[in-house]
Amino acid sequence: MLIYLMSLDTEKERIKFVKIYDTYRNRMHYTANMILKDELNAEDMVHDTFLTLTDYLDRINEEDPVGTWNYIVTILKINATIL
């Protein structure tokens, strides 16, 4: 997780990212594995998605978990097309 936190500028962003990471990492991995049906590529896909999220963290509203999850799944699917 350190690599993600290093790319964030403020403590507020880091706290927000850690909450998102802790809340969604397992579901992200499960979803990525269901999409790709390949464990190693799923791990890469989740990693790439977290890197993307560090760039777009301001677009995530923590008070809207459904919207947050939909945003994350969209990024996962985009990253799946790249792999």
PDB file of N, CA and C in Angstrom:
ATOM      1  N   MET A   1       0.818  -1.184   0.000  1.00  0.00           N
ATOM      2  CA  MET A   1       0.000   0.000   0.000  1.00  0.00           C
ATOM      3  C   MET A   1       0.865   1.254   0.000  1.00  0.00           C
ATOM      4  N   LEU A   2       2.078   1.138   0.418  1.00  0.00           N
ATOM      5  CA  LEU A   2       2.971   2.295   0.509  1.00  0.00           C
ATOM      6  C   LEU A   2       3.135   3.005  -0.827  1.00  0.00           C
ATOM      7  N   ILE A   3       3.218   2.250  -1.906  1.00  0.00           N
ATOM      8  CA  ILE A   3       3.383   2.862  -3.221  1.00  0.00           C
ATOM      9  C   ILE A   3       2.195   3.766  -3.568  1.00  0.00           C
ATOM     10  N   TYR A   4       1.017   3.381  -3.156  1.00  0.00           N
ATOM     11  CA  TYR A   4      -0.165   4.201  -3.426  1.00  0.00           C
ATOM     12  C   TYR A   4      -0.139   5.470  -2.574  1.00  0.00           C
ATOM     13  N   LEU A   5       0.168   5.304  -1.301  1.00  0.00           N
ATOM     14  CA  LEU A   5       0.163   6.439  -0.387  1.00  0.00           C
ATOM     15  C   LEU A   5       1.227   7.471  -0.749  1.00  0.00           C
ATOM     16  N   MET A   6       2.341   7.019  -1.290  1.00  0.00           N
ATOM     17  CA  MET A   6       3.407   7.944  -1.673  1.00  0.00           C
ATOM     18  C   MET A   6       2.978   8.868  -2.808  1.00  0.00           C
ATOM     19  N   SER A   7       2.021   8.446  -3.599  1.00  0.00           N
ATOM     20  CA  SER A   7       1.592   9.262  -4.728  1.00  0.00           C
ATOM     21  C   SER A   7       0.528  10.292  -4.342  1.00  0.00           C
ATOM     22  N   LEU A   8       0.096  10.265  -3.098  1.00  0.00           N
ATOM     23  CA  LEU A   8      -0.927  11.207  -2.629  1.00  0.00           C
ATOM     24  C   LEU A   8      -0.264  12.382  -1.906  1.00  0.00           C
ATOM     25  N   ASP A   9      -0.859  13.559  -2.059  1.00  0.00           N
ATOM     26  CA  ASP A   9      -0.232  14.783  -1.559  1.00  0.00           C
ATOM     27  C   ASP A   9      -0.566  15.127  -0.117  1.00  0.00           C
ATOM     28  N   THR A  10      -1.791  14.875   0.291  1.00  0.00           N
ATOM     29  CA  THR A  10      -2.208  15.323   1.621  1.00  0.00           C
ATOM     30  C   THR A  10      -2.573  14.148   2.526  1.00  0.00           C
ATOM     31  N   GLU A  11      -2.563  14.422   3.799  1.00  0.00           N
ATOM     32  CA  GLU A  11      -2.957  13.408   4.785  1.00  0.00           C
ATOM     33  C   GLU A  11      -4.430  13.045   4.608  1.00  0.00           C
ATOM     34  N   LYS A  12      -5.243  14.025   4.259  1.00  0.00           N
ATOM     35  CA  LYS A  12      -6.669  13.781   4.028  1.00  0.00           C
ATOM     36  C   LYS A  12      -6.859  12.787   2.879  1.00  0.00           C
ATOM     37  N   GLU A  13      -6.093  12.935   1.808  1.00  0.00           N
ATOM     38  CA  GLU A  13      -6.165  11.994   0.682  1.00  0.00           C
ATOM     39  C   GLU A  13      -5.710  10.605   1.108  1.00  0.00           C
ATOM     40  N   ARG A  14      -4.663  10.546   1.910  1.00  0.00           N
ATOM     41  CA  ARG A  14      -4.146   9.251   2.370  1.00  0.00           C
ATOM     42  C   ARG A  14      -5.175   8.522   3.226  1.00  0.00           C
ATOM     43  N   ILE A  15      -5.818   9.255   4.113  1.00  0.00           N
ATOM     44  CA  ILE A  15      -6.842   8.655   4.978  1.00  0.00           C
ATOM     45  C   ILE A  15      -8.002   8.141   4.127  1.00  0.00           C
ATOM     46  N   LYS A  16      -8.440   8.940   3.174  1.00  0.00           N
ATOM     47  CA  LYS A  16      -9.525   8.542   2.291  1.00  0.00           C
ATOM     48  C   LYS A  16      -9.152   7.298   1.503  1.00  0.00           C
ATOM     49  N   PHE A  17      -7.920   7.270   0.985  1.00  0.00           N
ATOM     50  CA  PHE A  17      -7.484   6.121   0.198  1.00  0.00           C
ATOM     51  C   PHE A  17      -7.444   4.859   1.048  1.00  0.00           C
ATOM     52  N   VAL A  18      -6.920   4.948   2.253  1.00  0.00           N
ATOM     53  CA  VAL A  18      -6.841   3.775   3.136  1.00  0.00           C
ATOM     54  C   VAL A  18      -8.233   3.227   3.414  1.00  0.00           C
ATOM     55  N   LYS A  19      -9.206   4.111   3.632  1.00  0.00           N
ATOM     56  CA  LYS A  19     -10.579   3.654   3.858  1.00  0.00           C
ATOM     57  C   LYS A  19     -11.118   2.915   2.635  1.00  0.00           C
ATOM     58  N   ILE A  20     -10.872   3.481   1.473  1.00  0.00           N
ATOM     59  CA  ILE A  20     -11.335   2.847   0.228  1.00  0.00           C
ATOM     60  C   ILE A  20     -10.628   1.507   0.033  1.00  0.00           C
ATOM     61  N   TYR A  21      -9.336   1.489   0.263  1.00  0.00           N
ATOM     62  CA  TYR A  21      -8.542   0.267   0.110  1.00  0.00           C
ATOM     63  C   TYR A  21      -9.084  -0.828   1.031  1.00  0.00           C
ATOM     64  N   ASP A  22      -9.247  -0.489   2.294  1.00  0.00           N
ATOM     65  CA  ASP A  22      -9.719  -1.481   3.269  1.00  0.00           C
ATOM     66  C   ASP A  22     -11.130  -1.961   2.969  1.00  0.00           C
ATOM     67  N   THR A  23     -11.967  -1.068   2.480  1.00  0.00           N
ATOM     68  CA  THR A  23     -13.366  -1.407   2.215  1.00  0.00           C
ATOM     69  C   THR A  23     -13.545  -2.253   0.964  1.00  0.00           C
ATOM     70  N   TYR A  24     -12.784  -1.956  -0.092  1.00  0.00           N
ATOM     71  CA  TYR A  24     -13.083  -2.535  -1.401  1.00  0.00           C
ATOM     72  C   TYR A  24     -12.061  -3.526  -1.948  1.00  0.00           C
ATOM     73  N   ARG A  25     -10.912  -3.672  -1.336  1.00  0.00           N
ATOM     74  CA  ARG A  25      -9.858  -4.507  -1.940  1.00  0.00           C
ATOM     75  C   ARG A  25     -10.291  -5.948  -2.173  1.00  0.00           C
ATOM     76  N   ASN A  26     -10.976  -6.548  -1.224  1.00  0.00           N
ATOM     77  CA  ASN A  26     -11.391  -7.947  -1.404  1.00  0.00           C
ATOM     78  C   ASN A  26     -12.438  -8.093  -2.499  1.00  0.00           C
ATOM     79  N   ARG A  27     -13.406  -7.179  -2.528  1.00  0.00           N
ATOM     80  CA  ARG A  27     -14.422  -7.226  -3.585  1.00  0.00           C
ATOM     81  C   ARG A  27     -13.805  -6.937  -4.944  1.00  0.00           C
ATOM     82  N   MET A  28     -12.834  -6.032  -4.974  1.00  0.00           N
ATOM     83  CA  MET A  28     -12.155  -5.733  -6.232  1.00  0.00           C
ATOM     84  C   MET A  28     -11.430  -6.969  -6.758  1.00  0.00           C
ATOM     85  N   HIS A  29     -10.729  -7.633  -5.864  1.00  0.00           N
ATOM     86  CA  HIS A  29      -9.991  -8.824  -6.280  1.00  0.00           C
ATOM     87  C   HIS A  29     -10.958  -9.915  -6.768  1.00  0.00           C
ATOM     88  N   TYR A  30     -12.030 -10.124  -6.051  1.00  0.00           N
ATOM     89  CA  TYR A  30     -13.023 -11.122  -6.453  1.00  0.00           C
ATOM     90  C   TYR A  30     -13.599 -10.772  -7.829  1.00  0.00           C
ATOM     91  N   THR A  31     -13.982  -9.516  -7.998  1.00  0.00           N
ATOM     92  CA  THR A  31     -14.577  -9.079  -9.264  1.00  0.00           C
ATOM     93  C   THR A  31     -13.576  -9.200 -10.406  1.00  0.00           C
ATOM     94  N   ALA A  32     -12.354  -8.787 -10.171  1.00  0.00           N
ATOM     95  CA  ALA A  32     -11.314  -8.893 -11.205  1.00  0.00           C
ATOM     96  C   ALA A  32     -11.089 -10.345 -11.599  1.00  0.00           C
ATOM     97  N   ASN A  33     -11.087 -11.220 -10.623  1.00  0.00           N
ATOM     98  CA  ASN A  33     -10.890 -12.644 -10.898  1.00  0.00           C
ATOM     99  C   ASN A  33     -12.074 -13.228 -11.673  1.00  0.00           C
ATOM    100  N   MET A  34     -13.269 -12.757 -11.382  1.00  0.00           N
ATOM    101  CA  MET A  34     -14.452 -13.224 -12.109  1.00  0.00           C
ATOM    102  C   MET A  34     -14.429 -12.737 -13.568  1.00  0.00           C
ATOM    103  N   ILE A  35     -13.935 -11.525 -13.773  1.00  0.00           N
ATOM    104  CA  ILE A  35     -13.868 -10.975 -15.126  1.00  0.00           C
ATOM    105  C   ILE A  35     -12.797 -11.685 -15.948  1.00  0.00           C
ATOM    106  N   LEU A  36     -11.620 -11.832 -15.367  1.00  0.00           N
ATOM    107  CA  LEU A  36     -10.472 -12.362 -16.120  1.00  0.00           C
ATOM    108  C   LEU A  36     -10.312 -13.870 -16.023  1.00  0.00           C
ATOM    109  N   LYS A  37     -10.808 -14.441 -14.941  1.00  0.00           N
ATOM    110  CA  LYS A  37     -10.645 -15.881 -14.682  1.00  0.00           C
ATOM    111  C   LYS A  37      -9.167 -16.281 -14.694  1.00  0.00           C
ATOM    112  N   ASP A  38      -8.362 -15.392 -14.103  1.00  0.00           N
ATOM    113  CA  ASP A  38      -6.920 -15.610 -14.017  1.00  0.00           C
ATOM    114  C   ASP A  38      -6.411 -14.848 -12.792  1.00  0.00           C
ATOM    115  N   GLU A  39      -5.925 -15.585 -11.818  1.00  0.00           N
ATOM    116  CA  GLU A  39      -5.527 -15.006 -10.534  1.00  0.00           C
ATOM    117  C   GLU A  39      -4.432 -13.944 -10.675  1.00  0.00           C
ATOM    118  N   LEU A  40      -3.396 -14.243 -11.426  1.00  0.00           N
ATOM    119  CA  LEU A  40      -2.282 -13.299 -11.553  1.00  0.00           C
ATOM    120  C   LEU A  40      -2.689 -12.027 -12.285  1.00  0.00           C
ATOM    121  N   ASN A  41      -3.431 -12.167 -13.361  1.00  0.00           N
ATOM    122  CA  ASN A  41      -3.896 -10.983 -14.076  1.00  0.00           C
ATOM    123  C   ASN A  41      -4.890 -10.192 -13.239  1.00  0.00           C
ATOM    124  N   ALA A  42      -5.670 -10.873 -12.419  1.00  0.00           N
ATOM    125  CA  ALA A  42      -6.599 -10.183 -11.526  1.00  0.00           C
ATOM    126  C   ALA A  42      -5.834  -9.322 -10.525  1.00  0.00           C
ATOM    127  N   GLU A  43      -4.741  -9.844  -9.995  1.00  0.00           N
ATOM    128  CA  GLU A  43      -3.918  -9.063  -9.074  1.00  0.00           C
ATOM    129  C   GLU A  43      -3.352  -7.828  -9.767  1.00  0.00           C
ATOM    130  N   ASP A  44      -2.893  -7.982 -10.990  1.00  0.00           N
ATOM    131  CA  ASP A  44      -2.390  -6.840 -11.755  1.00  0.00           C
ATOM    132  C   ASP A  44      -3.499  -5.823 -12.004  1.00  0.00           C
ATOM    133  N   MET A  45      -4.672  -6.330 -12.312  1.00  0.00           N
ATOM    134  CA  MET A  45      -5.806  -5.460 -12.591  1.00  0.00           C
ATOM    135  C   MET A  45      -6.194  -4.644 -11.360  1.00  0.00           C
ATOM    136  N   VAL A  46      -6.192  -5.257 -10.206  1.00  0.00           N
ATOM    137  CA  VAL A  46      -6.516  -4.557  -8.960  1.00  0.00           C
ATOM    138  C   VAL A  46      -5.438  -3.517  -8.657  1.00  0.00           C
ATOM    139  N   HIS A  47      -4.195  -3.891  -8.827  1.00  0.00           N
ATOM    140  CA  HIS A  47      -3.091  -2.957  -8.602  1.00  0.00           C
ATOM    141  C   HIS A  47      -3.234  -1.734  -9.519  1.00  0.00           C
ATOM    142  N   ASP A  48      -3.461  -1.979 -10.791  1.00  0.00           N
ATOM    143  CA  ASP A  48      -3.627  -0.881 -11.749  1.00  0.00           C
ATOM    144  C   ASP A  48      -4.823  -0.009 -11.396  1.00  0.00           C
ATOM    145  N   THR A  49      -5.870  -0.625 -10.900  1.00  0.00           N
ATOM    146  CA  THR A  49      -7.056   0.129 -10.515  1.00  0.00           C
ATOM    147  C   THR A  49      -6.770   1.021  -9.319  1.00  0.00           C
ATOM    148  N   PHE A  50      -6.039   0.508  -8.338  1.00  0.00           N
ATOM    149  CA  PHE A  50      -5.679   1.343  -7.201  1.00  0.00           C
ATOM    150  C   PHE A  50      -4.772   2.500  -7.629  1.00  0.00           C
ATOM    151  N   LEU A  51      -3.865   2.248  -8.551  1.00  0.00           N
ATOM    152  CA  LEU A  51      -3.028   3.339  -9.062  1.00  0.00           C
ATOM    153  C   LEU A  51      -3.881   4.400  -9.748  1.00  0.00           C
ATOM    154  N   THR A  52      -4.849   3.962 -10.517  1.00  0.00           N
ATOM    155  CA  THR A  52      -5.756   4.899 -11.178  1.00  0.00           C
ATOM    156  C   THR A  52      -6.552   5.690 -10.149  1.00  0.00           C
ATOM    157  N   LEU A  53      -7.016   5.014  -9.115  1.00  0.00           N
ATOM    158  CA  LEU A  53      -7.799   5.690  -8.082  1.00  0.00           C
ATOM    159  C   LEU A  53      -7.007   6.800  -7.393  1.00  0.00           C
ATOM    160  N   THR A  54      -5.706   6.651  -7.261  1.00  0.00           N
ATOM    161  CA  THR A  54      -4.916   7.716  -6.638  1.00  0.00           C
ATOM    162  C   THR A  54      -4.970   8.995  -7.467  1.00  0.00           C
ATOM    163  N   ASP A  55      -5.148   8.861  -8.770  1.00  0.00           N
ATOM    164  CA  ASP A  55      -5.243  10.036  -9.642  1.00  0.00           C
ATOM    165  C   ASP A  55      -6.628  10.673  -9.625  1.00  0.00           C
ATOM    166  N   TYR A  56      -7.641   9.891  -9.305  1.00  0.00           N
ATOM    167  CA  TYR A  56      -9.020  10.369  -9.381  1.00  0.00           C
ATOM    168  C   TYR A  56      -9.742  10.291  -8.039  1.00  0.00           C
ATOM    169  N   LEU A  57      -9.004  10.357  -6.983  1.00  0.00           N
ATOM    170  CA  LEU A  57      -9.570  10.221  -5.641  1.00  0.00           C
ATOM    171  C   LEU A  57     -10.609  11.295  -5.345  1.00  0.00           C
ATOM    172  N   ASP A  58     -10.439  12.464  -5.926  1.00  0.00           N
ATOM    173  CA  ASP A  58     -11.372  13.561  -5.678  1.00  0.00           C
ATOM    174  C   ASP A  58     -12.759  13.291  -6.262  1.00  0.00           C
ATOM    175  N   ARG A  59     -12.867  12.333  -7.142  1.00  0.00           N
ATOM    176  CA  ARG A  59     -14.160  11.998  -7.758  1.00  0.00           C
ATOM    177  C   ARG A  59     -14.974  10.997  -6.939  1.00  0.00           C
ATOM    178  N   ILE A  60     -14.390  10.510  -5.871  1.00  0.00           N
ATOM    179  CA  ILE A  60     -15.064   9.501  -5.056  1.00  0.00           C
ATOM    180  C   ILE A  60     -15.702  10.153  -3.842  1.00  0.00           C
ATOM    181  N   ASN A  61     -16.991   9.905  -3.693  1.00  0.00           N
ATOM    182  CA  ASN A  61     -17.760  10.396  -2.556  1.00  0.00           C
ATOM    183  C   ASN A  61     -17.925   9.230  -1.593  1.00  0.00           C
ATOM    184  N   GLU A  62     -17.245   9.306  -0.473  1.00  0.00           N
ATOM    185  CA  GLU A  62     -17.279   8.210   0.505  1.00  0.00           C
ATOM    186  C   GLU A  62     -18.675   7.973   1.077  1.00  0.00           C
ATOM    187  N   GLU A  63     -19.533   8.961   0.982  1.00  0.00           N
ATOM    188  CA  GLU A  63     -20.884   8.824   1.522  1.00  0.00           C
ATOM    189  C   GLU A  63     -21.826   8.129   0.547  1.00  0.00           C
ATOM    190  N   ASP A  64     -21.319   7.769  -0.622  1.00  0.00           N
ATOM    191  CA  ASP A  64     -22.121   7.082  -1.636  1.00  0.00           C
ATOM    192  C   ASP A  64     -21.438   5.765  -1.994  1.00  0.00           C
ATOM    193  N   PRO A  65     -21.595   4.730  -1.152  1.00  0.00           N
ATOM    194  CA  PRO A  65     -20.886   3.473  -1.403  1.00  0.00           C
ATOM    195  C   PRO A  65     -21.263   2.809  -2.725  1.00  0.00           C
ATOM    196  N   VAL A  66     -22.508   2.937  -3.151  1.00  0.00           N
ATOM    197  CA  VAL A  66     -22.919   2.339  -4.429  1.00  0.00           C
ATOM    198  C   VAL A  66     -22.223   3.058  -5.579  1.00  0.00           C
ATOM    199  N   GLY A  67     -22.213   4.373  -5.520  1.00  0.00           N
ATOM    200  CA  GLY A  67     -21.527   5.147  -6.550  1.00  0.00           C
ATOM    201  C   GLY A  67     -20.032   4.873  -6.565  1.00  0.00           C
ATOM    202  N   THR A  68     -19.448   4.750  -5.378  1.00  0.00           N
ATOM    203  CA  THR A  68     -18.020   4.433  -5.277  1.00  0.00           C
ATOM    204  C   THR A  68     -17.733   3.077  -5.900  1.00  0.00           C
ATOM    205  N   TRP A  69     -18.542   2.090  -5.557  1.00  0.00           N
ATOM    206  CA  TRP A  69     -18.332   0.750  -6.105  1.00  0.00           C
ATOM    207  C   TRP A  69     -18.513   0.750  -7.619  1.00  0.00           C
ATOM    208  N   ASN A  70     -19.521   1.444  -8.123  1.00  0.00           N
ATOM    209  CA  ASN A  70     -19.727   1.512  -9.571  1.00  0.00           C
ATOM    210  C   ASN A  70     -18.542   2.172 -10.267  1.00  0.00           C
ATOM    211  N   TYR A  71     -17.996   3.197  -9.668  1.00  0.00           N
ATOM    212  CA  TYR A  71     -16.824   3.876 -10.224  1.00  0.00           C
ATOM    213  C   TYR A  71     -15.630   2.920 -10.262  1.00  0.00           C
ATOM    214  N   ILE A  72     -15.414   2.193  -9.172  1.00  0.00           N
ATOM    215  CA  ILE A  72     -14.309   1.239  -9.102  1.00  0.00           C
ATOM    216  C   ILE A  72     -14.483   0.134 -10.141  1.00  0.00           C
ATOM    217  N   VAL A  73     -15.683  -0.399 -10.272  1.00  0.00           N
ATOM    218  CA  VAL A  73     -15.925  -1.461 -11.253  1.00  0.00           C
ATOM    219  C   VAL A  73     -15.684  -0.951 -12.668  1.00  0.00           C
ATOM    220  N   THR A  74     -16.060   0.281 -12.936  1.00  0.00           N
ATOM    221  CA  THR A  74     -15.797   0.860 -14.254  1.00  0.00           C
ATOM    222  C   THR A  74     -14.304   0.890 -14.538  1.00  0.00           C
ATOM    223  N   ILE A  75     -13.523   1.322 -13.572  1.00  0.00           N
ATOM    224  CA  ILE A  75     -12.066   1.350 -13.747  1.00  0.00           C
ATOM    225  C   ILE A  75     -11.519  -0.061 -13.904  1.00  0.00           C
ATOM    226  N   LEU A  76     -12.031  -1.005 -13.120  1.00  0.00           N
ATOM    227  CA  LEU A  76     -11.602  -2.402 -13.251  1.00  0.00           C
ATOM    228  C   LEU A  76     -11.833  -2.906 -14.668  1.00  0.00           C
ATOM    229  N   LYS A  77     -13.013  -2.634 -15.211  1.00  0.00           N
ATOM    230  CA  LYS A  77     -13.339  -3.114 -16.558  1.00  0.00           C
ATOM    231  C   LYS A  77     -12.464  -2.459 -17.613  1.00  0.00           C
ATOM    232  N   ILE A  78     -12.182  -1.172 -17.433  1.00  0.00           N
ATOM    233  CA  ILE A  78     -11.267  -0.503 -18.374  1.00  0.00           C
ATOM    234  C   ILE A  78      -9.890  -1.135 -18.302  1.00  0.00           C
ATOM    235  N   ASN A  79      -9.414  -1.403 -17.090  1.00  0.00           N
ATOM    236  CA  ASN A  79      -8.106  -2.036 -16.933  1.00  0.00           C
ATOM    237  C   ASN A  79      -8.100  -3.461 -17.480  1.00  0.00           C
ATOM    238  N   ALA A  80      -9.225  -4.125 -17.459  1.00  0.00           N
ATOM    239  CA  ALA A  80      -9.308  -5.489 -18.009  1.00  0.00           C
ATOM    240  C   ALA A  80      -9.080  -5.480 -19.501  1.00  0.00           C
ATOM    241  N   THR A  81      -9.525  -4.441 -20.174  1.00  0.00           N
ATOM    242  CA  THR A  81      -9.327  -4.374 -21.621  1.00  0.00           C
ATOM    243  C   THR A  81      -7.872  -4.129 -21.989  1.00  0.00           C
ATOM    244  N   ILE A  82      -7.126  -3.547 -21.051  1.00  0.00           N
ATOM    245  CA  ILE A  82      -5.708  -3.277 -21.288  1.00  0.00           C
ATOM    246  C   ILE A  82      -4.871  -4.531 -21.113  1.00  0.00           C
ATOM    247  N   LEU A  83      -5.267  -5.409 -20.200  1.00  0.00           N
ATOM    248  CA  LEU A  83      -4.485  -6.635 -19.922  1.00  0.00           C
ATOM    249  C   LEU A  83      -4.611  -7.607 -21.020  1.00  0.00           C
TER     250      LEU A  83
END
